[in-house]
Amino acid sequence: MNRVLMATAAMLVLVTAACAPAVPTVDPAQVQASAMAAASTMIAMTKAAMPTATEVPPTPTASATPLPSPTLGIPPSAAPTIAPTSSGDDCNHLLDVAEANPRKATLKINNLTKGSATLTIGWSTKNAFGQCGYLSYVLRPKESIMVNPPQTGPGPCYWSYAWVNDPKDQSIPAPAPALCMNSTDKYELDIGYDALRITPP
């Protein structure tokens, strides 16, 4: 009898176990999809919370137009190195840099004095492009600047004129020899109290 009860109990346990619902298994693909969706949501929320970038206005660039000369009382035509004007053409005006020569020279101007200086270079006769005129640059004491005047081409070369406005020693330095600049290599022009000196590349 004991055996029959034990066998019946064992059968009941087996039948009950067979009828019980199975424990659900977790699908790894579903777990991965849920994690990806949660991460995407967090990234989207982070991006939405970030402030929008305000566009920065562009930095103003230097104009190719030279500064006007403060020495209007002494026209460049008074410089001793000016070649005679041909055919009565008026070359006593600012040079139109855009039309003079598309190829530019590189000129470093060094003011070696303790006063401000005005340097003027120009053509008193028309060049191969039919242009003439002058360019003026104003420098603070001990300042150096880089400029890109048109190359001289076959001629004429630039004349030069400077005025040093040092309260203790105002001067008009002797002009440099004719400035013929036909290269993009750097030329240097030093402004001293007594003279202008050009150093070719």
C-alpha atoms as a PDB file:
ATOM      1  CA  MET A   1       0.000   0.000   0.000  1.00  0.00           C
ATOM      2  CA  ASN A   2       2.861   2.254   0.822  1.00  0.00           C
ATOM      3  CA  ARG A   3       4.344   1.632  -2.570  1.00  0.00           C
ATOM      4  CA  VAL A   4       1.106   2.444  -4.338  1.00  0.00           C
ATOM      5  CA  LEU A   5       0.821   5.747  -2.471  1.00  0.00           C
ATOM      6  CA  MET A   6       4.355   6.687  -3.307  1.00  0.00           C
ATOM      7  CA  ALA A   7       3.897   5.830  -6.942  1.00  0.00           C
ATOM      8  CA  THR A   8       0.665   7.815  -7.059  1.00  0.00           C
ATOM      9  CA  ALA A   9       2.338  10.802  -5.412  1.00  0.00           C
ATOM     10  CA  ALA A  10       5.233  10.654  -7.853  1.00  0.00           C
ATOM     11  CA  MET A  11       2.817  10.526 -10.785  1.00  0.00           C
ATOM     12  CA  LEU A  12       0.892  13.477  -9.412  1.00  0.00           C
ATOM     13  CA  VAL A  13       4.120  15.463  -9.131  1.00  0.00           C
ATOM     14  CA  LEU A  14       5.065  14.611 -12.714  1.00  0.00           C
ATOM     15  CA  VAL A  15       1.623  15.440 -14.069  1.00  0.00           C
ATOM     16  CA  THR A  16       1.549  18.736 -12.109  1.00  0.00           C
ATOM     17  CA  ALA A  17       5.014  19.653 -13.334  1.00  0.00           C
ATOM     18  CA  ALA A  18       4.069  18.870 -16.926  1.00  0.00           C
ATOM     19  CA  CYS A  19       0.983  21.056 -16.707  1.00  0.00           C
ATOM     20  CA  ALA A  20       2.736  24.064 -15.113  1.00  0.00           C
ATOM     21  CA  PRO A  21       3.439  26.958 -17.496  1.00  0.00           C
ATOM     22  CA  ALA A  22       7.004  27.132 -18.778  1.00  0.00           C
ATOM     23  CA  VAL A  23       9.348  29.919 -17.509  1.00  0.00           C
ATOM     24  CA  PRO A  24       9.700  32.413 -20.364  1.00  0.00           C
ATOM     25  CA  THR A  25      13.191  32.759 -21.847  1.00  0.00           C
ATOM     26  CA  VAL A  26      14.681  36.189 -22.725  1.00  0.00           C
ATOM     27  CA  ASP A  27      15.475  36.775 -26.392  1.00  0.00           C
ATOM     28  CA  PRO A  28      18.942  38.471 -26.653  1.00  0.00           C
ATOM     29  CA  ALA A  29      17.885  40.303 -29.849  1.00  0.00           C
ATOM     30  CA  GLN A  30      15.006  41.956 -28.000  1.00  0.00           C
ATOM     31  CA  VAL A  31      17.311  43.026 -25.154  1.00  0.00           C
ATOM     32  CA  GLN A  32      19.741  44.538 -27.631  1.00  0.00           C
ATOM     33  CA  ALA A  33      16.952  46.361 -29.511  1.00  0.00           C
ATOM     34  CA  SER A  34      15.603  47.802 -26.231  1.00  0.00           C
ATOM     35  CA  ALA A  35      19.088  49.015 -25.216  1.00  0.00           C
ATOM     36  CA  MET A  36      19.652  50.641 -28.637  1.00  0.00           C
ATOM     37  CA  ALA A  37      16.277  52.395 -28.463  1.00  0.00           C
ATOM     38  CA  ALA A  38      17.027  53.722 -24.950  1.00  0.00           C
ATOM     39  CA  ALA A  39      20.501  54.961 -26.017  1.00  0.00           C
ATOM     40  CA  SER A  40      19.072  56.671 -29.124  1.00  0.00           C
ATOM     41  CA  THR A  41      16.459  58.404 -26.982  1.00  0.00           C
ATOM     42  CA  MET A  42      19.110  59.675 -24.553  1.00  0.00           C
ATOM     43  CA  ILE A  43      21.304  60.969 -27.407  1.00  0.00           C
ATOM     44  CA  ALA A  44      18.332  62.764 -28.975  1.00  0.00           C
ATOM     45  CA  MET A  45      17.398  64.339 -25.652  1.00  0.00           C
ATOM     46  CA  THR A  46      21.008  65.464 -25.068  1.00  0.00           C
ATOM     47  CA  LYS A  47      21.178  67.061 -28.519  1.00  0.00           C
ATOM     48  CA  ALA A  48      17.856  68.798 -27.965  1.00  0.00           C
ATOM     49  CA  ALA A  49      19.105  70.245 -24.666  1.00  0.00           C
ATOM     50  CA  MET A  50      22.289  71.663 -26.220  1.00  0.00           C
ATOM     51  CA  PRO A  51      22.222  75.391 -27.126  1.00  0.00           C
ATOM     52  CA  THR A  52      22.269  76.154 -30.836  1.00  0.00           C
ATOM     53  CA  ALA A  53      25.463  77.675 -32.214  1.00  0.00           C
ATOM     54  CA  THR A  54      25.231  81.357 -33.105  1.00  0.00           C
ATOM     55  CA  GLU A  55      26.998  82.197 -36.338  1.00  0.00           C
ATOM     56  CA  VAL A  56      30.088  84.337 -35.735  1.00  0.00           C
ATOM     57  CA  PRO A  57      30.322  87.306 -38.107  1.00  0.00           C
ATOM     58  CA  PRO A  58      33.348  87.172 -40.436  1.00  0.00           C
ATOM     59  CA  THR A  59      36.515  88.990 -39.410  1.00  0.00           C
ATOM     60  CA  PRO A  60      36.999  92.109 -41.503  1.00  0.00           C
ATOM     61  CA  THR A  61      39.892  91.722 -43.926  1.00  0.00           C
ATOM     62  CA  ALA A  62      42.358  94.417 -44.811  1.00  0.00           C
ATOM     63  CA  SER A  63      41.506  96.388 -47.903  1.00  0.00           C
ATOM     64  CA  ALA A  64      43.918  96.526 -50.813  1.00  0.00           C
ATOM     65  CA  THR A  65      43.325 100.261 -50.991  1.00  0.00           C
ATOM     66  CA  PRO A  66      46.317 102.073 -49.478  1.00  0.00           C
ATOM     67  CA  LEU A  67      45.893 104.577 -46.687  1.00  0.00           C
ATOM     68  CA  PRO A  68      45.726 108.197 -47.823  1.00  0.00           C
ATOM     69  CA  SER A  69      48.873 110.176 -47.287  1.00  0.00           C
ATOM     70  CA  PRO A  70      48.737 112.857 -44.595  1.00  0.00           C
ATOM     71  CA  THR A  71      51.399 114.809 -46.508  1.00  0.00           C
ATOM     72  CA  LEU A  72      48.989 116.375 -48.954  1.00  0.00           C
ATOM     73  CA  GLY A  73      50.970 119.615 -48.841  1.00  0.00           C
ATOM     74  CA  ILE A  74      53.961 117.891 -50.471  1.00  0.00           C
ATOM     75  CA  PRO A  75      52.791 116.090 -53.611  1.00  0.00           C
ATOM     76  CA  PRO A  76      54.746 113.019 -54.716  1.00  0.00           C
ATOM     77  CA  SER A  77      55.652 114.854 -57.910  1.00  0.00           C
ATOM     78  CA  ALA A  78      58.047 116.934 -55.764  1.00  0.00           C
ATOM     79  CA  ALA A  79      60.204 113.902 -55.025  1.00  0.00           C
ATOM     80  CA  PRO A  80      63.617 114.293 -56.649  1.00  0.00           C
ATOM     81  CA  THR A  81      63.591 110.813 -58.237  1.00  0.00           C
ATOM     82  CA  ILE A  82      60.460 111.347 -60.341  1.00  0.00           C
ATOM     83  CA  ALA A  83      60.941 110.740 -64.020  1.00  0.00           C
ATOM     84  CA  PRO A  84      59.558 113.389 -66.357  1.00  0.00           C
ATOM     85  CA  THR A  85      55.910 112.971 -67.240  1.00  0.00           C
ATOM     86  CA  SER A  86      55.351 111.888 -70.802  1.00  0.00           C
ATOM     87  CA  SER A  87      52.784 113.483 -73.136  1.00  0.00           C
ATOM     88  CA  GLY A  88      51.405 115.729 -70.399  1.00  0.00           C
ATOM     89  CA  ASP A  89      49.657 112.786 -68.646  1.00  0.00           C
ATOM     90  CA  ASP A  90      48.482 113.517 -65.105  1.00  0.00           C
ATOM     91  CA  CYS A  91      49.954 110.878 -62.780  1.00  0.00           C
ATOM     92  CA  ASN A  92      49.472 112.827 -59.551  1.00  0.00           C
ATOM     93  CA  HIS A  93      46.715 110.571 -58.111  1.00  0.00           C
ATOM     94  CA  LEU A  94      46.364 107.318 -56.196  1.00  0.00           C
ATOM     95  CA  LEU A  95      47.295 104.314 -58.290  1.00  0.00           C
ATOM     96  CA  ASP A  96      44.409 102.003 -59.205  1.00  0.00           C
ATOM     97  CA  VAL A  97      45.980  98.803 -57.857  1.00  0.00           C
ATOM     98  CA  ALA A  98      43.331  96.568 -59.443  1.00  0.00           C
ATOM     99  CA  GLU A  99      44.178  97.764 -62.979  1.00  0.00           C
ATOM    100  CA  ALA A 100      47.936  98.368 -62.694  1.00  0.00           C
ATOM    101  CA  ASN A 101      49.359  94.842 -62.912  1.00  0.00           C
ATOM    102  CA  PRO A 102      47.735  91.604 -61.748  1.00  0.00           C
ATOM    103  CA  ARG A 103      51.114  90.305 -60.505  1.00  0.00           C
ATOM    104  CA  LYS A 104      52.020  91.674 -57.089  1.00  0.00           C
ATOM    105  CA  ALA A 105      55.389  92.224 -55.421  1.00  0.00           C
ATOM    106  CA  THR A 106      56.018  91.597 -51.721  1.00  0.00           C
ATOM    107  CA  LEU A 107      57.472  94.610 -49.925  1.00  0.00           C
ATOM    108  CA  LYS A 108      58.296  94.805 -46.219  1.00  0.00           C
ATOM    109  CA  ILE A 109      58.548  98.416 -45.050  1.00  0.00           C
ATOM    110  CA  ASN A 110      60.491  99.025 -41.822  1.00  0.00           C
ATOM    111  CA  ASN A 111      60.226 102.341 -40.007  1.00  0.00           C
ATOM    112  CA  LEU A 112      63.521 102.485 -38.094  1.00  0.00           C
ATOM    113  CA  THR A 113      62.799 105.923 -36.613  1.00  0.00           C
ATOM    114  CA  LYS A 114      61.212 106.997 -33.322  1.00  0.00           C
ATOM    115  CA  GLY A 115      58.564 109.019 -35.139  1.00  0.00           C
ATOM    116  CA  SER A 116      55.678 108.163 -37.421  1.00  0.00           C
ATOM    117  CA  ALA A 117      56.647 107.960 -41.090  1.00  0.00           C
ATOM    118  CA  THR A 118      54.817 108.316 -44.382  1.00  0.00           C
ATOM    119  CA  LEU A 119      56.230 106.483 -47.378  1.00  0.00           C
ATOM    120  CA  THR A 120      55.012 107.194 -50.900  1.00  0.00           C
ATOM    121  CA  ILE A 121      56.074 105.204 -53.980  1.00  0.00           C
ATOM    122  CA  GLY A 122      54.784 105.714 -57.485  1.00  0.00           C
ATOM    123  CA  TRP A 123      55.074 105.948 -61.235  1.00  0.00           C
ATOM    124  CA  SER A 124      55.178 109.328 -62.938  1.00  0.00           C
ATOM    125  CA  THR A 125      54.925 107.739 -66.399  1.00  0.00           C
ATOM    126  CA  LYS A 126      52.494 105.068 -67.531  1.00  0.00           C
ATOM    127  CA  ASN A 127      53.455 101.432 -67.196  1.00  0.00           C
ATOM    128  CA  ALA A 128      52.774  98.608 -69.656  1.00  0.00           C
ATOM    129  CA  PHE A 129      49.123  98.557 -68.489  1.00  0.00           C
ATOM    130  CA  GLY A 130      48.691 102.289 -69.146  1.00  0.00           C
ATOM    131  CA  GLN A 131      48.544 103.104 -65.441  1.00  0.00           C
ATOM    132  CA  CYS A 132      50.423 105.609 -63.311  1.00  0.00           C
ATOM    133  CA  GLY A 133      50.041 107.210 -59.894  1.00  0.00           C
ATOM    134  CA  TYR A 134      51.270 106.654 -56.358  1.00  0.00           C
ATOM    135  CA  LEU A 135      50.688 104.554 -53.221  1.00  0.00           C
ATOM    136  CA  SER A 136      51.146 105.890 -49.680  1.00  0.00           C
ATOM    137  CA  TYR A 137      51.708 104.001 -46.447  1.00  0.00           C
ATOM    138  CA  VAL A 138      51.688 105.417 -42.902  1.00  0.00           C
ATOM    139  CA  LEU A 139      53.772 103.659 -40.238  1.00  0.00           C
ATOM    140  CA  ARG A 140      53.925 104.150 -36.486  1.00  0.00           C
ATOM    141  CA  PRO A 141      57.327 104.535 -34.783  1.00  0.00           C
ATOM    142  CA  LYS A 142      59.456 101.375 -35.128  1.00  0.00           C
ATOM    143  CA  GLU A 143      56.669  99.616 -37.061  1.00  0.00           C
ATOM    144  CA  SER A 144      57.087  97.148 -39.928  1.00  0.00           C
ATOM    145  CA  ILE A 145      54.342  96.328 -42.419  1.00  0.00           C
ATOM    146  CA  MET A 146      54.001  93.984 -45.399  1.00  0.00           C
ATOM    147  CA  VAL A 147      52.393  95.381 -48.560  1.00  0.00           C
ATOM    148  CA  ASN A 148      51.798  94.030 -52.054  1.00  0.00           C
ATOM    149  CA  PRO A 149      52.202  96.774 -54.657  1.00  0.00           C
ATOM    150  CA  PRO A 150      51.927  95.833 -58.341  1.00  0.00           C
ATOM    151  CA  GLN A 151      55.131  94.529 -59.895  1.00  0.00           C
ATOM    152  CA  THR A 152      56.884  97.067 -62.087  1.00  0.00           C
ATOM    153  CA  GLY A 153      57.203  94.806 -65.125  1.00  0.00           C
ATOM    154  CA  PRO A 154      59.267  96.251 -67.983  1.00  0.00           C
ATOM    155  CA  GLY A 155      59.018  99.706 -66.440  1.00  0.00           C
ATOM    156  CA  PRO A 156      58.967 102.289 -65.187  1.00  0.00           C
ATOM    157  CA  CYS A 157      60.390 101.549 -61.736  1.00  0.00           C
ATOM    158  CA  TYR A 158      58.872 103.172 -58.638  1.00  0.00           C
ATOM    159  CA  TRP A 159      60.186 106.475 -57.299  1.00  0.00           C
ATOM    160  CA  SER A 160      60.165 106.872 -53.507  1.00  0.00           C
ATOM    161  CA  TYR A 161      59.566 109.686 -51.047  1.00  0.00           C
ATOM    162  CA  ALA A 162      59.274 109.665 -47.244  1.00  0.00           C
ATOM    163  CA  TRP A 163      58.645 112.063 -44.415  1.00  0.00           C
ATOM    164  CA  VAL A 164      59.566 111.276 -40.796  1.00  0.00           C
ATOM    165  CA  ASN A 165      57.434 113.044 -38.197  1.00  0.00           C
ATOM    166  CA  ASP A 166      59.607 112.663 -35.093  1.00  0.00           C
ATOM    167  CA  PRO A 167      58.908 115.658 -32.812  1.00  0.00           C
ATOM    168  CA  LYS A 168      62.620 115.776 -31.928  1.00  0.00           C
ATOM    169  CA  ASP A 169      63.987 115.123 -35.423  1.00  0.00           C
ATOM    170  CA  GLN A 170      61.661 115.722 -38.380  1.00  0.00           C
ATOM    171  CA  SER A 171      63.292 114.814 -41.651  1.00  0.00           C
ATOM    172  CA  ILE A 172      62.844 113.989 -45.310  1.00  0.00           C
ATOM    173  CA  PRO A 173      65.165 111.024 -45.935  1.00  0.00           C
ATOM    174  CA  ALA A 174      67.041 110.819 -49.216  1.00  0.00           C
ATOM    175  CA  PRO A 175      65.043 108.654 -51.641  1.00  0.00           C
ATOM    176  CA  ALA A 176      66.047 105.106 -52.451  1.00  0.00           C
ATOM    177  CA  PRO A 177      67.344 104.345 -55.921  1.00  0.00           C
ATOM    178  CA  ALA A 178      64.627 103.354 -58.397  1.00  0.00           C
ATOM    179  CA  LEU A 179      62.520 100.507 -56.990  1.00  0.00           C
ATOM    180  CA  CYS A 180      62.207  97.832 -59.659  1.00  0.00           C
ATOM    181  CA  MET A 181      60.203  94.938 -58.223  1.00  0.00           C
ATOM    182  CA  ASN A 182      59.614  92.062 -60.632  1.00  0.00           C
ATOM    183  CA  SER A 183      59.347  89.112 -58.270  1.00  0.00           C
ATOM    184  CA  THR A 184      57.070  87.749 -55.578  1.00  0.00           C
ATOM    185  CA  ASP A 185      60.145  87.312 -53.357  1.00  0.00           C
ATOM    186  CA  LYS A 186      60.335  89.731 -50.433  1.00  0.00           C
ATOM    187  CA  TYR A 187      61.925  93.140 -50.951  1.00  0.00           C
ATOM    188  CA  GLU A 188      62.673  95.279 -47.875  1.00  0.00           C
ATOM    189  CA  LEU A 189      62.659  99.057 -47.657  1.00  0.00           C
ATOM    190  CA  ASP A 190      64.068 100.699 -44.505  1.00  0.00           C
ATOM    191  CA  ILE A 191      63.020 104.219 -43.548  1.00  0.00           C
ATOM    192  CA  GLY A 192      65.798 105.996 -41.653  1.00  0.00           C
ATOM    193  CA  TYR A 193      66.241 109.624 -40.642  1.00  0.00           C
ATOM    194  CA  ASP A 194      68.755 110.245 -43.405  1.00  0.00           C
ATOM    195  CA  ALA A 195      67.831 107.866 -46.247  1.00  0.00           C
ATOM    196  CA  LEU A 196      65.581 105.142 -47.630  1.00  0.00           C
ATOM    197  CA  ARG A 197      67.373 101.862 -48.262  1.00  0.00           C
ATOM    198  CA  ILE A 198      66.069  99.040 -50.439  1.00  0.00           C
ATOM    199  CA  THR A 199      67.209  95.435 -50.012  1.00  0.00           C
ATOM    200  CA  PRO A 200      66.286  93.163 -52.944  1.00  0.00           C
ATOM    201  CA  PRO A 201      65.494  89.464 -52.353  1.00  0.00           C
END
